[in-house]
C-alpha atoms as a PDB file:
ATOM      1  CA  MET A   1      19.294  -7.264 -31.067  1.00  0.00           C
ATOM      2  CA  LYS A   2      21.676  -7.269 -28.138  1.00  0.00           C
ATOM      3  CA  ILE A   3      24.672  -5.472 -26.640  1.00  0.00           C
ATOM      4  CA  GLU A   4      27.315  -6.459 -24.115  1.00  0.00           C
ATOM      5  CA  TYR A   5      27.658  -4.295 -20.996  1.00  0.00           C
ATOM      6  CA  GLY A   6      30.415  -5.450 -18.676  1.00  0.00           C
ATOM      7  CA  THR A   7      29.629  -9.081 -17.899  1.00  0.00           C
ATOM      8  CA  GLN A   8      25.946  -8.716 -18.804  1.00  0.00           C
ATOM      9  CA  THR A   9      24.067  -9.049 -22.085  1.00  0.00           C
ATOM     10  CA  ILE A  10      21.091  -6.795 -22.786  1.00  0.00           C
ATOM     11  CA  GLU A  11      18.643  -8.172 -25.341  1.00  0.00           C
ATOM     12  CA  PHE A  12      16.148  -5.744 -26.854  1.00  0.00           C
ATOM     13  CA  GLU A  13      13.581  -5.441 -29.603  1.00  0.00           C
ATOM     14  CA  VAL A  14      13.401  -2.533 -32.040  1.00  0.00           C
ATOM     15  CA  GLN A  15      10.175  -1.102 -33.442  1.00  0.00           C
ATOM     16  CA  ARG A  16      10.615   1.437 -36.238  1.00  0.00           C
ATOM     17  CA  SER A  17       7.802   3.689 -37.369  1.00  0.00           C
ATOM     18  CA  SER A  18       7.474   6.494 -39.909  1.00  0.00           C
ATOM     19  CA  LYS A  19       5.309   8.311 -37.337  1.00  0.00           C
ATOM     20  CA  SER A  20       8.028   8.333 -34.665  1.00  0.00           C
ATOM     21  CA  LYS A  21      10.034  11.547 -34.365  1.00  0.00           C
ATOM     22  CA  ASN A  22      12.202  10.521 -31.413  1.00  0.00           C
ATOM     23  CA  THR A  23      13.937   7.384 -30.179  1.00  0.00           C
ATOM     24  CA  TYR A  24      13.120   6.128 -26.708  1.00  0.00           C
ATOM     25  CA  ILE A  25      13.498   2.999 -24.565  1.00  0.00           C
ATOM     26  CA  THR A  26      10.881   1.281 -22.420  1.00  0.00           C
ATOM     27  CA  VAL A  27      11.364  -1.595 -19.968  1.00  0.00           C
ATOM     28  CA  ASP A  28       8.465  -3.646 -18.620  1.00  0.00           C
ATOM     29  CA  ARG A  29       7.553  -7.196 -17.654  1.00  0.00           C
ATOM     30  CA  ASP A  30       5.584  -8.008 -20.811  1.00  0.00           C
ATOM     31  CA  ASN A  31       7.835  -6.537 -23.508  1.00  0.00           C
ATOM     32  CA  GLY A  32      11.237  -6.565 -21.847  1.00  0.00           C
ATOM     33  CA  VAL A  33      13.516  -3.902 -23.355  1.00  0.00           C
ATOM     34  CA  LEU A  34      11.851  -2.197 -26.318  1.00  0.00           C
ATOM     35  CA  VAL A  35      13.360   0.579 -28.457  1.00  0.00           C
ATOM     36  CA  LYS A  36      10.933   2.663 -30.504  1.00  0.00           C
ATOM     37  CA  ALA A  37      12.610   4.691 -33.220  1.00  0.00           C
ATOM     38  CA  PRO A  38      12.054   6.559 -36.509  1.00  0.00           C
ATOM     39  CA  GLU A  39      12.671   4.533 -39.660  1.00  0.00           C
ATOM     40  CA  HIS A  40      15.871   6.393 -40.591  1.00  0.00           C
ATOM     41  CA  ILE A  41      17.732   5.522 -37.357  1.00  0.00           C
ATOM     42  CA  SER A  42      20.396   2.865 -38.010  1.00  0.00           C
ATOM     43  CA  ASP A  43      21.075  -0.263 -35.967  1.00  0.00           C
ATOM     44  CA  THR A  44      24.451   1.180 -34.976  1.00  0.00           C
ATOM     45  CA  GLU A  45      22.834   4.341 -33.590  1.00  0.00           C
ATOM     46  CA  ILE A  46      20.292   2.287 -31.659  1.00  0.00           C
ATOM     47  CA  GLN A  47      22.964   0.037 -30.174  1.00  0.00           C
ATOM     48  CA  SER A  48      24.923   3.122 -29.128  1.00  0.00           C
ATOM     49  CA  LEU A  49      21.833   4.557 -27.411  1.00  0.00           C
ATOM     50  CA  VAL A  50      21.101   1.304 -25.575  1.00  0.00           C
ATOM     51  CA  HIS A  51      24.725   1.102 -24.438  1.00  0.00           C
ATOM     52  CA  SER A  52      24.573   4.657 -23.094  1.00  0.00           C
ATOM     53  CA  LYS A  53      21.438   3.759 -21.099  1.00  0.00           C
ATOM     54  CA  ALA A  54      22.658   0.280 -20.077  1.00  0.00           C
ATOM     55  CA  LYS A  55      23.007   1.001 -16.355  1.00  0.00           C
ATOM     56  CA  TRP A  56      19.447   2.390 -16.187  1.00  0.00           C
ATOM     57  CA  ILE A  57      18.105  -0.548 -18.237  1.00  0.00           C
ATOM     58  CA  ILE A  58      19.707  -3.130 -15.916  1.00  0.00           C
ATOM     59  CA  THR A  59      18.241  -1.372 -12.874  1.00  0.00           C
ATOM     60  CA  LYS A  60      14.771  -1.367 -14.456  1.00  0.00           C
ATOM     61  CA  LEU A  61      15.084  -5.051 -15.404  1.00  0.00           C
ATOM     62  CA  GLU A  62      15.886  -5.884 -11.787  1.00  0.00           C
ATOM     63  CA  GLU A  63      12.827  -3.936 -10.637  1.00  0.00           C
ATOM     64  CA  VAL A  64      10.651  -5.783 -13.152  1.00  0.00           C
ATOM     65  CA  GLY A  65      12.101  -9.087 -11.958  1.00  0.00           C
ATOM     66  CA  ASN A  66      10.966  -8.248  -8.445  1.00  0.00           C
ATOM     67  CA  GLU A  67       7.360  -8.271  -9.664  1.00  0.00           C
ATOM     68  CA  ILE A  68       7.485 -11.995 -10.488  1.00  0.00           C
ATOM     69  CA  ASP A  69       5.277 -14.014  -8.135  1.00  0.00           C
ATOM     70  CA  TYR A  70       4.519 -17.751  -8.134  1.00  0.00           C
ATOM     71  CA  GLY A  71       2.744 -17.604  -4.811  1.00  0.00           C
ATOM     72  CA  GLU A  72       4.489 -19.010  -1.750  1.00  0.00           C
ATOM     73  CA  ILE A  73       6.817 -21.881  -2.677  1.00  0.00           C
ATOM     74  CA  LEU A  74       6.907 -24.541   0.017  1.00  0.00           C
ATOM     75  CA  THR A  75       7.243 -28.295   0.261  1.00  0.00           C
ATOM     76  CA  GLY A  76       3.870 -29.500  -0.969  1.00  0.00           C
ATOM     77  CA  SER A  77       3.402 -26.657  -3.467  1.00  0.00           C
ATOM     78  CA  ARG A  78       2.846 -27.608  -7.098  1.00  0.00           C
ATOM     79  CA  LEU A  79       4.394 -26.309 -10.316  1.00  0.00           C
ATOM     80  CA  PHE A  80       3.329 -26.882 -13.898  1.00  0.00           C
ATOM     81  CA  TYR A  81       5.737 -28.584 -16.291  1.00  0.00           C
ATOM     82  CA  LEU A  82       5.025 -30.028 -19.744  1.00  0.00           C
ATOM     83  CA  GLY A  83       1.275 -29.785 -19.279  1.00  0.00           C
ATOM     84  CA  LYS A  84       0.952 -31.287 -15.804  1.00  0.00           C
ATOM     85  CA  SER A  85       1.125 -30.124 -12.198  1.00  0.00           C
ATOM     86  CA  TYR A  86       3.906 -31.639 -10.078  1.00  0.00           C
ATOM     87  CA  TYR A  87       4.730 -31.817  -6.367  1.00  0.00           C
ATOM     88  CA  VAL A  88       7.490 -29.550  -5.002  1.00  0.00           C
ATOM     89  CA  GLU A  89       9.984 -30.605  -2.338  1.00  0.00           C
ATOM     90  CA  LEU A  90      12.277 -27.988  -0.777  1.00  0.00           C
ATOM     91  CA  ILE A  91      15.580 -29.375   0.488  1.00  0.00           C
ATOM     92  CA  GLN A  92      17.637 -27.031   2.679  1.00  0.00           C
ATOM     93  CA  GLU A  93      21.384 -27.596   2.684  1.00  0.00           C
ATOM     94  CA  ASN A  94      24.649 -25.874   3.491  1.00  0.00           C
ATOM     95  CA  ARG A  95      25.011 -24.300   0.039  1.00  0.00           C
ATOM     96  CA  GLN A  96      25.085 -20.831  -1.523  1.00  0.00           C
ATOM     97  CA  ASN A  97      23.017 -21.283  -4.683  1.00  0.00           C
ATOM     98  CA  ILE A  98      19.525 -22.568  -5.452  1.00  0.00           C
ATOM     99  CA  GLU A  99      19.199 -25.556  -7.768  1.00  0.00           C
ATOM    100  CA  VAL A 100      15.873 -26.585  -9.307  1.00  0.00           C
ATOM    101  CA  VAL A 101      15.724 -30.196 -10.493  1.00  0.00           C
ATOM    102  CA  PHE A 102      12.846 -32.113 -12.062  1.00  0.00           C
ATOM    103  CA  ILE A 103      13.276 -35.836 -11.366  1.00  0.00           C
ATOM    104  CA  HIS A 104      11.012 -38.827 -10.792  1.00  0.00           C
ATOM    105  CA  SER A 105       7.885 -36.766 -11.574  1.00  0.00           C
ATOM    106  CA  LYS A 106       8.485 -34.072  -8.967  1.00  0.00           C
ATOM    107  CA  PHE A 107      10.427 -30.864  -8.440  1.00  0.00           C
ATOM    108  CA  LYS A 108      13.303 -30.910  -5.985  1.00  0.00           C
ATOM    109  CA  ILE A 109      14.547 -27.454  -5.078  1.00  0.00           C
ATOM    110  CA  TYR A 110      17.855 -27.405  -3.206  1.00  0.00           C
ATOM    111  CA  THR A 111      18.301 -24.176  -1.244  1.00  0.00           C
ATOM    112  CA  PRO A 112      20.526 -22.529   1.383  1.00  0.00           C
ATOM    113  CA  PHE A 113      19.116 -22.539   4.937  1.00  0.00           C
ATOM    114  CA  GLU A 114      18.119 -18.893   4.515  1.00  0.00           C
ATOM    115  CA  VAL A 115      16.273 -18.191   1.257  1.00  0.00           C
ATOM    116  CA  SER A 116      13.588 -15.699   0.241  1.00  0.00           C
ATOM    117  CA  GLN A 117      10.519 -16.323  -1.875  1.00  0.00           C
ATOM    118  CA  MET A 118      11.902 -13.876  -4.428  1.00  0.00           C
ATOM    119  CA  GLU A 119      15.082 -15.913  -4.770  1.00  0.00           C
ATOM    120  CA  LEU A 120      13.007 -19.073  -5.220  1.00  0.00           C
ATOM    121  CA  SER A 121      10.875 -17.413  -7.897  1.00  0.00           C
ATOM    122  CA  LYS A 122      13.948 -16.291  -9.818  1.00  0.00           C
ATOM    123  CA  ALA A 123      15.458 -19.798  -9.628  1.00  0.00           C
ATOM    124  CA  ILE A 124      12.238 -21.306 -11.000  1.00  0.00           C
ATOM    125  CA  ASP A 125      12.274 -18.728 -13.799  1.00  0.00           C
ATOM    126  CA  ARG A 126      15.826 -19.767 -14.660  1.00  0.00           C
ATOM    127  CA  PHE A 127      14.725 -23.413 -14.783  1.00  0.00           C
ATOM    128  CA  TYR A 128      11.897 -22.650 -17.233  1.00  0.00           C
ATOM    129  CA  ARG A 129      14.150 -20.475 -19.357  1.00  0.00           C
ATOM    130  CA  GLN A 130      16.896 -23.099 -19.563  1.00  0.00           C
ATOM    131  CA  LYS A 131      14.401 -25.802 -20.552  1.00  0.00           C
ATOM    132  CA  SER A 132      12.670 -23.565 -23.081  1.00  0.00           C
ATOM    133  CA  GLU A 133      15.962 -22.650 -24.739  1.00  0.00           C
ATOM    134  CA  GLU A 134      16.883 -26.335 -25.012  1.00  0.00           C
ATOM    135  CA  LYS A 135      13.545 -27.642 -26.291  1.00  0.00           C
ATOM    136  CA  ILE A 136      12.175 -24.734 -28.330  1.00  0.00           C
ATOM    137  CA  THR A 137      15.439 -24.025 -30.142  1.00  0.00           C
ATOM    138  CA  LYS A 138      15.427 -27.612 -31.422  1.00  0.00           C
ATOM    139  CA  LEU A 139      11.771 -27.334 -32.477  1.00  0.00           C
ATOM    140  CA  VAL A 140      12.460 -24.093 -34.358  1.00  0.00           C
ATOM    141  CA  GLN A 141      15.339 -25.725 -36.210  1.00  0.00           C
ATOM    142  CA  LYS A 142      13.231 -28.769 -37.043  1.00  0.00           C
ATOM    143  CA  TYR A 143      10.186 -26.895 -38.343  1.00  0.00           C
ATOM    144  CA  SER A 144      12.185 -24.153 -40.065  1.00  0.00           C
ATOM    145  CA  ASP A 145      13.631 -26.837 -42.301  1.00  0.00           C
ATOM    146  CA  THR A 146      10.241 -28.510 -42.782  1.00  0.00           C
ATOM    147  CA  MET A 147       8.345 -25.267 -43.515  1.00  0.00           C
ATOM    148  CA  ARG A 148      11.293 -23.567 -45.274  1.00  0.00           C
ATOM    149  CA  LEU A 149      10.788 -20.510 -43.108  1.00  0.00           C
ATOM    150  CA  TYR A 150      13.786 -19.212 -41.195  1.00  0.00           C
ATOM    151  CA  PRO A 151      13.713 -16.579 -38.419  1.00  0.00           C
ATOM    152  CA  GLU A 152      16.360 -13.884 -38.214  1.00  0.00           C
ATOM    153  CA  TYR A 153      16.606 -14.402 -34.462  1.00  0.00           C
ATOM    154  CA  VAL A 154      15.152 -16.586 -31.703  1.00  0.00           C
ATOM    155  CA  GLY A 155      14.900 -15.152 -28.197  1.00  0.00           C
ATOM    156  CA  PHE A 156      13.180 -15.856 -24.895  1.00  0.00           C
ATOM    157  CA  ARG A 157      11.342 -13.398 -22.656  1.00  0.00           C
ATOM    158  CA  LYS A 158       8.711 -13.813 -19.969  1.00  0.00           C
ATOM    159  CA  SER A 159       5.308 -12.249 -20.641  1.00  0.00           C
ATOM    160  CA  LYS A 160       1.970 -12.136 -18.835  1.00  0.00           C
ATOM    161  CA  ASN A 161      -0.168 -12.188 -21.967  1.00  0.00           C
ATOM    162  CA  ARG A 162       1.732 -13.677 -24.915  1.00  0.00           C
ATOM    163  CA  TRP A 163       3.071 -17.154 -25.490  1.00  0.00           C
ATOM    164  CA  ALA A 164       5.224 -15.954 -28.379  1.00  0.00           C
ATOM    165  CA  SER A 165       5.565 -13.295 -31.073  1.00  0.00           C
ATOM    166  CA  CYS A 166       7.036 -12.678 -34.520  1.00  0.00           C
ATOM    167  CA  SER A 167       8.260  -9.183 -35.340  1.00  0.00           C
ATOM    168  CA  GLU A 168       8.126  -7.442 -38.714  1.00  0.00           C
ATOM    169  CA  ARG A 169      11.786  -8.397 -39.134  1.00  0.00           C
ATOM    170  CA  ASN A 170      11.065 -12.094 -38.528  1.00  0.00           C
ATOM    171  CA  ARG A 171      12.504 -12.148 -35.041  1.00  0.00           C
ATOM    172  CA  LEU A 172      10.788 -14.789 -32.918  1.00  0.00           C
ATOM    173  CA  THR A 173      10.405 -14.380 -29.159  1.00  0.00           C
ATOM    174  CA  PHE A 174       9.106 -17.211 -26.981  1.00  0.00           C
ATOM    175  CA  ASN A 175       7.781 -17.050 -23.435  1.00  0.00           C
ATOM    176  CA  PRO A 176       9.690 -19.519 -21.192  1.00  0.00           C
ATOM    177  CA  GLU A 177       6.325 -20.191 -19.535  1.00  0.00           C
ATOM    178  CA  LEU A 178       5.668 -22.413 -22.567  1.00  0.00           C
ATOM    179  CA  MET A 179       7.459 -25.125 -20.590  1.00  0.00           C
ATOM    180  CA  LYS A 180       4.317 -25.325 -18.459  1.00  0.00           C
ATOM    181  CA  LEU A 181       2.382 -26.505 -21.523  1.00  0.00           C
ATOM    182  CA  SER A 182       2.171 -29.951 -23.069  1.00  0.00           C
ATOM    183  CA  SER A 183       4.756 -30.730 -25.739  1.00  0.00           C
ATOM    184  CA  SER A 184       2.078 -30.701 -28.448  1.00  0.00           C
ATOM    185  CA  LEU A 185       1.010 -27.146 -27.531  1.00  0.00           C
ATOM    186  CA  THR A 186       4.608 -25.936 -27.495  1.00  0.00           C
ATOM    187  CA  GLU A 187       5.112 -27.530 -30.903  1.00  0.00           C
ATOM    188  CA  TYR A 188       1.978 -25.808 -32.195  1.00  0.00           C
ATOM    189  CA  THR A 189       3.186 -22.440 -30.884  1.00  0.00           C
ATOM    190  CA  VAL A 190       6.470 -22.817 -32.766  1.00  0.00           C
ATOM    191  CA  ILE A 191       4.659 -23.663 -36.017  1.00  0.00           C
ATOM    192  CA  HIS A 192       2.250 -20.757 -35.474  1.00  0.00           C
ATOM    193  CA  GLU A 193       5.076 -18.228 -35.088  1.00  0.00           C
ATOM    194  CA  LEU A 194       7.081 -19.604 -38.010  1.00  0.00           C
ATOM    195  CA  ALA A 195       3.971 -19.237 -40.182  1.00  0.00           C
ATOM    196  CA  HIS A 196       3.970 -15.531 -39.287  1.00  0.00           C
ATOM    197  CA  ILE A 197       7.243 -15.188 -41.186  1.00  0.00           C
ATOM    198  CA  ALA A 198       5.205 -15.799 -44.347  1.00  0.00           C
ATOM    199  CA  HIS A 199       1.989 -14.087 -43.213  1.00  0.00           C
ATOM    200  CA  LYS A 200       2.128 -11.309 -40.619  1.00  0.00           C
ATOM    201  CA  ASN A 201      -1.616 -11.432 -39.884  1.00  0.00           C
ATOM    202  CA  HIS A 202      -4.177 -14.150 -39.178  1.00  0.00           C
ATOM    203  CA  SER A 203      -5.485 -14.299 -42.733  1.00  0.00           C
ATOM    204  CA  LYS A 204      -6.976 -17.303 -44.485  1.00  0.00           C
ATOM    205  CA  GLU A 205      -3.595 -17.906 -46.082  1.00  0.00           C
ATOM    206  CA  PHE A 206      -1.956 -17.929 -42.637  1.00  0.00           C
ATOM    207  CA  TRP A 207      -4.330 -20.534 -41.212  1.00  0.00           C
ATOM    208  CA  LYS A 208      -4.071 -22.594 -44.398  1.00  0.00           C
ATOM    209  CA  LEU A 209      -0.303 -22.747 -43.905  1.00  0.00           C
ATOM    210  CA  VAL A 210      -0.646 -23.681 -40.222  1.00  0.00           C
ATOM    211  CA  LYS A 211      -3.141 -26.415 -41.090  1.00  0.00           C
ATOM    212  CA  LYS A 212      -0.604 -28.070 -43.397  1.00  0.00           C
ATOM    213  CA  PHE A 213       1.459 -28.933 -40.334  1.00  0.00           C
ATOM    214  CA  ILE A 214      -1.145 -28.995 -37.527  1.00  0.00           C
ATOM    215  CA  SER A 215      -4.462 -30.277 -38.857  1.00  0.00           C
ATOM    216  CA  ASP A 216      -6.294 -29.774 -35.539  1.00  0.00           C
ATOM    217  CA  TYR A 217      -4.953 -26.246 -34.976  1.00  0.00           C
ATOM    218  CA  THR A 218      -8.366 -24.970 -33.800  1.00  0.00           C
ATOM    219  CA  LYS A 219      -8.303 -27.445 -30.904  1.00  0.00           C
ATOM    220  CA  LYS A 220      -4.765 -26.385 -30.056  1.00  0.00           C
ATOM    221  CA  GLU A 221      -5.882 -22.732 -29.933  1.00  0.00           C
ATOM    222  CA  GLU A 222      -8.732 -23.662 -27.572  1.00  0.00           C
ATOM    223  CA  LYS A 223      -6.396 -25.598 -25.288  1.00  0.00           C
ATOM    224  CA  LEU A 224      -3.957 -22.677 -25.140  1.00  0.00           C
ATOM    225  CA  ARG A 225      -6.745 -20.401 -23.961  1.00  0.00           C
ATOM    226  CA  GLU A 226      -7.898 -22.978 -21.403  1.00  0.00           C
ATOM    227  CA  PHE A 227      -4.394 -23.418 -20.058  1.00  0.00           C
ATOM    228  CA  GLU A 228      -3.964 -19.671 -19.575  1.00  0.00           C
ATOM    229  CA  LYS A 229      -6.709 -19.828 -16.914  1.00  0.00           C
ATOM    230  CA  LYS A 230      -4.667 -22.367 -14.909  1.00  0.00           C
ATOM    231  CA  LEU A 231      -1.510 -20.285 -14.749  1.00  0.00           C
END
């Protein structure tokens, strides 16, 4: 779900539970904005609550963003993209904004003369998010039609420990860090999450469905785990 607050959009996930007596909002790096609520609370009531807390949420999101760390980004650093590690070149110019470009098998990052590591990290995050929205959205559309499984929503949120997730309401969330993986692993992740629309757990039926579209899914799982160690 999402709301508009001034010029900003706040995206959030809702978890309803029969055990919950109160509605509350959490904001962290892994889960983004999460609203936990009793089952009887309507979407309209939740949106109203989020809107009333919007200023606090935006402040917390900025604080969480400040925790992002790629290590020091300099000319000669390396960044992962599509499964490989590429050389970084910083180019300082008389400009106000940072532009991250991937061209001729290397990253060129155009920056103002004065730029902080935090600003560089945020610009790199924006690059991964833009690319993930472009590539993963197309993959979801492609495999939704092939598998005949359609998500209610497709969103993107950075996480330290999850490549993607599928909620009880069939809302898919993908980690923009997927752009660091090979195309085949990103494709597998999309198929994996779409399969969760039909099967919410990792049952035999779930893996049987995945195997119909990715015959070597066990190898893909192993490679995902291996790649996590490189990040």
